[in-house]
Amino acid sequence: MADQYDPAVAFQWVLTGPKYRIQSDQENRLDLCDHCDEAWLDGGEWALLQALQLTDQLPQIFTETWQQRISHEHSEQRLKARYQQLVGAADIEKAAAFRDWLNRHEKRAELLFFISQK
């Protein structure tokens, strides 16, 4: 006998299955059934995917690469927020602009050495 759809089983995997983040700045998470490889979209998640122009990338959201990138971005956002609390948002923006300039500079090593001198 072929497998038949069972709403109770489907709802159980929604409650207990893995959750996948869409973007680092979004709290919505997508559900994916480990058994049938079906996605569950609720809470306006399809509308969010459309607004973010990610509907054609839905399969990639469930990949380890996508989730690692999201995790890395989320960690960076938390670190930046922490430094903004410690130093202030305006100074962090200035420091970030300087860091970006320094990282692109052809004499980066020499400038870092100069900055480190008292």
N, C-alpha and C. Protein backbone atom coordinates (compact mmCIF):
# COMPACT_ATOMS: atom_id res chain seq x y z
N MET A 1 0.84 -1.18 0.00
CA MET A 1 0.00 0.00 0.00
C MET A 1 0.88 1.24 0.00
N ALA A 2 0.56 2.19 -0.82
CA ALA A 2 1.34 3.42 -0.94
C ALA A 2 1.16 4.28 0.30
N ASP A 3 2.19 5.07 0.59
CA ASP A 3 2.09 6.00 1.71
C ASP A 3 0.97 6.99 1.44
N GLN A 4 0.19 7.25 2.47
CA GLN A 4 -0.88 8.22 2.35
C GLN A 4 -0.59 9.40 3.25
N TYR A 5 -1.08 10.55 2.83
CA TYR A 5 -0.90 11.77 3.60
C TYR A 5 -1.67 11.66 4.90
N ASP A 6 -1.00 11.94 6.00
CA ASP A 6 -1.63 11.92 7.31
C ASP A 6 -1.39 13.28 7.95
N PRO A 7 -2.42 14.11 8.09
CA PRO A 7 -2.25 15.46 8.65
C PRO A 7 -1.60 15.46 10.03
N ALA A 8 -1.92 14.46 10.85
CA ALA A 8 -1.35 14.41 12.20
C ALA A 8 0.16 14.20 12.14
N VAL A 9 0.60 13.34 11.23
CA VAL A 9 2.04 13.10 11.07
C VAL A 9 2.71 14.34 10.51
N ALA A 10 2.08 14.96 9.52
CA ALA A 10 2.64 16.16 8.92
C ALA A 10 2.80 17.26 9.96
N PHE A 11 1.80 17.46 10.79
CA PHE A 11 1.87 18.50 11.81
C PHE A 11 2.94 18.17 12.84
N GLN A 12 3.14 16.89 13.14
CA GLN A 12 4.16 16.50 14.11
C GLN A 12 5.55 16.88 13.64
N TRP A 13 5.86 16.68 12.35
CA TRP A 13 7.20 17.07 11.89
C TRP A 13 7.37 18.56 11.84
N VAL A 14 6.26 19.29 11.65
CA VAL A 14 6.36 20.75 11.70
C VAL A 14 6.76 21.19 13.10
N LEU A 15 6.23 20.50 14.11
CA LEU A 15 6.55 20.87 15.49
C LEU A 15 7.94 20.43 15.92
N THR A 16 8.40 19.29 15.43
CA THR A 16 9.65 18.71 15.95
C THR A 16 10.80 18.71 14.95
N GLY A 17 10.54 18.98 13.69
CA GLY A 17 11.58 18.92 12.68
C GLY A 17 12.52 20.11 12.70
N PRO A 18 13.54 20.06 11.86
CA PRO A 18 14.51 21.16 11.81
C PRO A 18 13.88 22.44 11.26
N LYS A 19 14.42 23.56 11.71
CA LYS A 19 13.97 24.89 11.29
C LYS A 19 15.12 25.56 10.54
N TYR A 20 14.80 26.22 9.45
CA TYR A 20 15.81 26.84 8.60
C TYR A 20 15.56 28.33 8.50
N ARG A 21 16.59 29.11 8.82
CA ARG A 21 16.47 30.57 8.74
C ARG A 21 16.51 31.00 7.28
N ILE A 22 15.75 32.05 6.99
CA ILE A 22 15.68 32.59 5.63
C ILE A 22 16.81 33.60 5.42
N GLN A 23 16.92 34.54 6.34
CA GLN A 23 17.97 35.56 6.32
C GLN A 23 18.37 35.87 7.75
N SER A 24 19.55 36.45 7.92
CA SER A 24 20.04 36.72 9.26
C SER A 24 19.24 37.78 9.99
N ASP A 25 18.58 38.67 9.25
CA ASP A 25 17.82 39.74 9.90
C ASP A 25 16.32 39.42 9.96
N GLN A 26 15.95 38.18 9.69
CA GLN A 26 14.55 37.74 9.76
C GLN A 26 14.42 36.64 10.81
N GLU A 27 13.36 36.72 11.59
CA GLU A 27 13.12 35.69 12.60
C GLU A 27 12.36 34.49 12.05
N ASN A 28 11.70 34.64 10.90
CA ASN A 28 10.96 33.54 10.31
C ASN A 28 11.89 32.36 10.03
N ARG A 29 11.36 31.17 10.27
CA ARG A 29 12.10 29.95 9.98
C ARG A 29 11.20 28.99 9.21
N LEU A 30 11.80 28.32 8.24
CA LEU A 30 11.06 27.37 7.43
C LEU A 30 11.23 25.97 8.01
N ASP A 31 10.18 25.18 7.88
CA ASP A 31 10.20 23.79 8.36
C ASP A 31 10.40 22.88 7.16
N LEU A 32 11.18 21.81 7.36
CA LEU A 32 11.41 20.82 6.30
C LEU A 32 11.29 19.44 6.90
N CYS A 33 10.45 18.61 6.31
CA CYS A 33 10.26 17.24 6.79
C CYS A 33 11.44 16.39 6.35
N ASP A 34 12.07 15.72 7.31
CA ASP A 34 13.19 14.83 7.00
C ASP A 34 12.75 13.59 6.24
N HIS A 35 11.48 13.21 6.39
CA HIS A 35 10.99 11.97 5.79
C HIS A 35 10.51 12.15 4.35
N CYS A 36 9.77 13.24 4.11
CA CYS A 36 9.19 13.40 2.77
C CYS A 36 9.81 14.55 1.98
N ASP A 37 10.73 15.29 2.61
CA ASP A 37 11.42 16.40 1.95
C ASP A 37 10.45 17.50 1.50
N GLU A 38 9.39 17.69 2.26
CA GLU A 38 8.41 18.73 1.97
C GLU A 38 8.63 19.91 2.90
N ALA A 39 8.46 21.11 2.37
CA ALA A 39 8.60 22.34 3.16
C ALA A 39 7.23 22.78 3.66
N TRP A 40 7.23 23.38 4.84
CA TRP A 40 6.01 23.92 5.43
C TRP A 40 6.20 25.42 5.57
N LEU A 41 5.35 26.18 4.90
CA LEU A 41 5.42 27.64 4.96
C LEU A 41 4.19 28.15 5.70
N ASP A 42 4.41 28.90 6.75
CA ASP A 42 3.30 29.48 7.49
C ASP A 42 3.68 30.89 7.95
N GLY A 43 2.79 31.55 8.63
CA GLY A 43 3.08 32.86 9.19
C GLY A 43 3.54 33.90 8.19
N GLY A 44 3.01 33.84 6.97
CA GLY A 44 3.38 34.82 5.96
C GLY A 44 4.74 34.57 5.34
N GLU A 45 5.26 33.36 5.48
CA GLU A 45 6.61 33.08 4.98
C GLU A 45 6.70 33.12 3.45
N TRP A 46 5.65 32.71 2.76
CA TRP A 46 5.69 32.79 1.29
C TRP A 46 5.73 34.26 0.85
N ALA A 47 4.93 35.09 1.51
CA ALA A 47 4.93 36.52 1.20
C ALA A 47 6.30 37.13 1.49
N LEU A 48 6.93 36.68 2.57
CA LEU A 48 8.27 37.17 2.90
C LEU A 48 9.28 36.74 1.84
N LEU A 49 9.21 35.47 1.42
CA LEU A 49 10.11 35.00 0.36
C LEU A 49 9.91 35.80 -0.92
N GLN A 50 8.68 36.13 -1.22
CA GLN A 50 8.39 36.95 -2.41
C GLN A 50 8.97 38.35 -2.25
N ALA A 51 8.77 38.95 -1.08
CA ALA A 51 9.27 40.31 -0.85
C ALA A 51 10.79 40.36 -0.91
N LEU A 52 11.44 39.29 -0.46
CA LEU A 52 12.90 39.22 -0.49
C LEU A 52 13.43 38.71 -1.83
N GLN A 53 12.53 38.40 -2.75
CA GLN A 53 12.86 37.85 -4.06
C GLN A 53 13.68 36.57 -3.94
N LEU A 54 13.22 35.67 -3.05
CA LEU A 54 13.91 34.40 -2.81
C LEU A 54 13.09 33.18 -3.19
N THR A 55 11.95 33.38 -3.85
CA THR A 55 11.10 32.23 -4.16
C THR A 55 11.80 31.23 -5.07
N ASP A 56 12.65 31.69 -5.95
CA ASP A 56 13.35 30.78 -6.86
C ASP A 56 14.58 30.15 -6.19
N GLN A 57 14.89 30.57 -4.97
CA GLN A 57 16.04 30.02 -4.26
C GLN A 57 15.63 29.15 -3.06
N LEU A 58 14.36 28.81 -2.98
CA LEU A 58 13.85 28.04 -1.85
C LEU A 58 14.68 26.78 -1.56
N PRO A 59 15.02 25.96 -2.55
CA PRO A 59 15.82 24.77 -2.23
C PRO A 59 17.18 25.09 -1.58
N GLN A 60 17.81 26.20 -2.00
CA GLN A 60 19.11 26.56 -1.44
C GLN A 60 19.02 26.95 0.03
N ILE A 61 17.88 27.48 0.46
CA ILE A 61 17.71 27.89 1.86
C ILE A 61 17.92 26.71 2.79
N PHE A 62 17.61 25.52 2.33
CA PHE A 62 17.71 24.33 3.17
C PHE A 62 19.10 23.70 3.16
N THR A 63 20.05 24.32 2.47
CA THR A 63 21.40 23.74 2.39
C THR A 63 22.26 24.19 3.57
N GLU A 64 23.25 23.41 3.87
CA GLU A 64 24.19 23.74 4.95
C GLU A 64 24.95 25.02 4.62
N THR A 65 25.31 25.21 3.36
CA THR A 65 26.04 26.41 2.95
C THR A 65 25.23 27.67 3.25
N TRP A 66 23.95 27.66 2.89
CA TRP A 66 23.08 28.81 3.13
C TRP A 66 22.97 29.08 4.63
N GLN A 67 22.73 28.02 5.40
CA GLN A 67 22.53 28.18 6.83
C GLN A 67 23.81 28.64 7.54
N GLN A 68 24.96 28.18 7.08
CA GLN A 68 26.23 28.66 7.65
C GLN A 68 26.43 30.14 7.36
N ARG A 69 26.09 30.57 6.15
CA ARG A 69 26.22 31.99 5.80
C ARG A 69 25.30 32.83 6.69
N ILE A 70 24.08 32.37 6.89
CA ILE A 70 23.13 33.08 7.74
C ILE A 70 23.67 33.17 9.16
N SER A 71 24.19 32.08 9.66
CA SER A 71 24.74 32.05 11.02
C SER A 71 25.91 33.02 11.15
N HIS A 72 26.79 33.05 10.15
CA HIS A 72 27.93 33.97 10.17
C HIS A 72 27.46 35.42 10.15
N GLU A 73 26.50 35.74 9.29
CA GLU A 73 25.97 37.10 9.22
C GLU A 73 25.32 37.50 10.54
N HIS A 74 24.58 36.57 11.14
CA HIS A 74 23.91 36.86 12.41
C HIS A 74 24.94 37.14 13.51
N SER A 75 26.01 36.37 13.53
CA SER A 75 27.08 36.59 14.51
C SER A 75 27.73 37.96 14.31
N GLU A 76 27.98 38.33 13.07
CA GLU A 76 28.55 39.64 12.78
C GLU A 76 27.63 40.77 13.23
N GLN A 77 26.34 40.61 13.01
CA GLN A 77 25.37 41.63 13.42
C GLN A 77 25.34 41.77 14.94
N ARG A 78 25.40 40.64 15.66
CA ARG A 78 25.41 40.71 17.13
C ARG A 78 26.68 41.37 17.64
N LEU A 79 27.82 41.05 17.03
CA LEU A 79 29.09 41.65 17.44
C LEU A 79 29.08 43.15 17.19
N LYS A 80 28.58 43.55 16.03
CA LYS A 80 28.51 44.98 15.72
C LYS A 80 27.59 45.70 16.71
N ALA A 81 26.46 45.10 17.03
CA ALA A 81 25.53 45.70 17.99
C ALA A 81 26.18 45.84 19.36
N ARG A 82 26.97 44.85 19.75
CA ARG A 82 27.67 44.91 21.05
C ARG A 82 28.65 46.07 21.07
N TYR A 83 29.44 46.22 20.01
CA TYR A 83 30.41 47.32 19.95
C TYR A 83 29.70 48.67 19.86
N GLN A 84 28.57 48.71 19.19
CA GLN A 84 27.82 49.96 19.13
C GLN A 84 27.35 50.38 20.52
N GLN A 85 26.99 49.40 21.35
CA GLN A 85 26.60 49.71 22.73
C GLN A 85 27.80 50.21 23.53
N LEU A 86 28.95 49.62 23.31
CA LEU A 86 30.14 49.99 24.07
C LEU A 86 30.72 51.34 23.66
N VAL A 87 30.75 51.60 22.35
CA VAL A 87 31.48 52.74 21.82
C VAL A 87 30.55 53.81 21.24
N GLY A 88 29.45 53.38 20.69
CA GLY A 88 28.54 54.30 20.02
C GLY A 88 28.49 53.99 18.53
N ALA A 89 27.32 54.12 17.96
CA ALA A 89 27.10 53.75 16.55
C ALA A 89 27.93 54.60 15.60
N ALA A 90 28.03 55.90 15.86
CA ALA A 90 28.76 56.79 14.94
C ALA A 90 30.24 56.41 14.89
N ASP A 91 30.83 56.14 16.05
CA ASP A 91 32.25 55.77 16.06
C ASP A 91 32.49 54.40 15.44
N ILE A 92 31.57 53.49 15.60
CA ILE A 92 31.71 52.16 14.97
C ILE A 92 31.64 52.31 13.45
N GLU A 93 30.77 53.16 12.94
CA GLU A 93 30.69 53.39 11.50
C GLU A 93 31.99 53.98 10.97
N LYS A 94 32.56 54.92 11.71
CA LYS A 94 33.85 55.50 11.31
C LYS A 94 34.94 54.44 11.31
N ALA A 95 34.96 53.63 12.37
CA ALA A 95 35.98 52.58 12.48
C ALA A 95 35.82 51.55 11.37
N ALA A 96 34.59 51.20 11.04
CA ALA A 96 34.34 50.22 9.96
C ALA A 96 34.80 50.78 8.62
N ALA A 97 34.54 52.06 8.37
CA ALA A 97 34.99 52.68 7.12
C ALA A 97 36.51 52.70 7.05
N PHE A 98 37.16 53.02 8.17
CA PHE A 98 38.62 53.02 8.22
C PHE A 98 39.16 51.61 7.99
N ARG A 99 38.55 50.62 8.65
CA ARG A 99 38.98 49.22 8.49
C ARG A 99 38.88 48.80 7.03
N ASP A 100 37.76 49.14 6.39
CA ASP A 100 37.58 48.77 4.98
C ASP A 100 38.64 49.43 4.10
N TRP A 101 38.91 50.71 4.35
CA TRP A 101 39.95 51.43 3.61
C TRP A 101 41.31 50.77 3.83
N LEU A 102 41.62 50.47 5.08
CA LEU A 102 42.91 49.86 5.43
C LEU A 102 43.07 48.48 4.78
N ASN A 103 42.01 47.70 4.78
CA ASN A 103 42.08 46.35 4.19
C ASN A 103 42.33 46.39 2.68
N ARG A 104 41.94 47.48 2.03
CA ARG A 104 42.16 47.61 0.58
C ARG A 104 43.50 48.29 0.25
N HIS A 105 44.12 48.86 1.24
CA HIS A 105 45.33 49.66 0.99
C HIS A 105 46.51 48.75 0.63
N GLU A 106 47.31 49.19 -0.36
CA GLU A 106 48.45 48.37 -0.80
C GLU A 106 49.56 48.32 0.25
N LYS A 107 49.61 49.28 1.15
CA LYS A 107 50.63 49.33 2.20
C LYS A 107 50.01 49.03 3.57
N ARG A 108 49.06 48.11 3.59
CA ARG A 108 48.32 47.77 4.81
C ARG A 108 49.25 47.38 5.96
N ALA A 109 50.19 46.51 5.70
CA ALA A 109 51.09 46.04 6.76
C ALA A 109 51.87 47.20 7.38
N GLU A 110 52.36 48.08 6.55
CA GLU A 110 53.13 49.22 7.05
C GLU A 110 52.25 50.15 7.89
N LEU A 111 51.02 50.37 7.43
CA LEU A 111 50.11 51.23 8.18
C LEU A 111 49.74 50.60 9.53
N LEU A 112 49.51 49.29 9.53
CA LEU A 112 49.22 48.61 10.80
C LEU A 112 50.40 48.72 11.76
N PHE A 113 51.61 48.58 11.26
CA PHE A 113 52.78 48.73 12.10
C PHE A 113 52.86 50.15 12.67
N PHE A 114 52.62 51.14 11.82
CA PHE A 114 52.66 52.53 12.26
C PHE A 114 51.61 52.79 13.35
N ILE A 115 50.40 52.28 13.14
CA ILE A 115 49.32 52.49 14.11
C ILE A 115 49.65 51.84 15.44
N SER A 116 50.33 50.72 15.40
CA SER A 116 50.62 49.98 16.64
C SER A 116 51.72 50.62 17.48
N GLN A 117 52.47 51.54 16.90
CA GLN A 117 53.55 52.22 17.63
C GLN A 117 52.97 53.30 18.54
N LYS A 118 53.60 53.47 19.68
CA LYS A 118 53.12 54.47 20.63
C LYS A 118 53.65 55.83 20.32
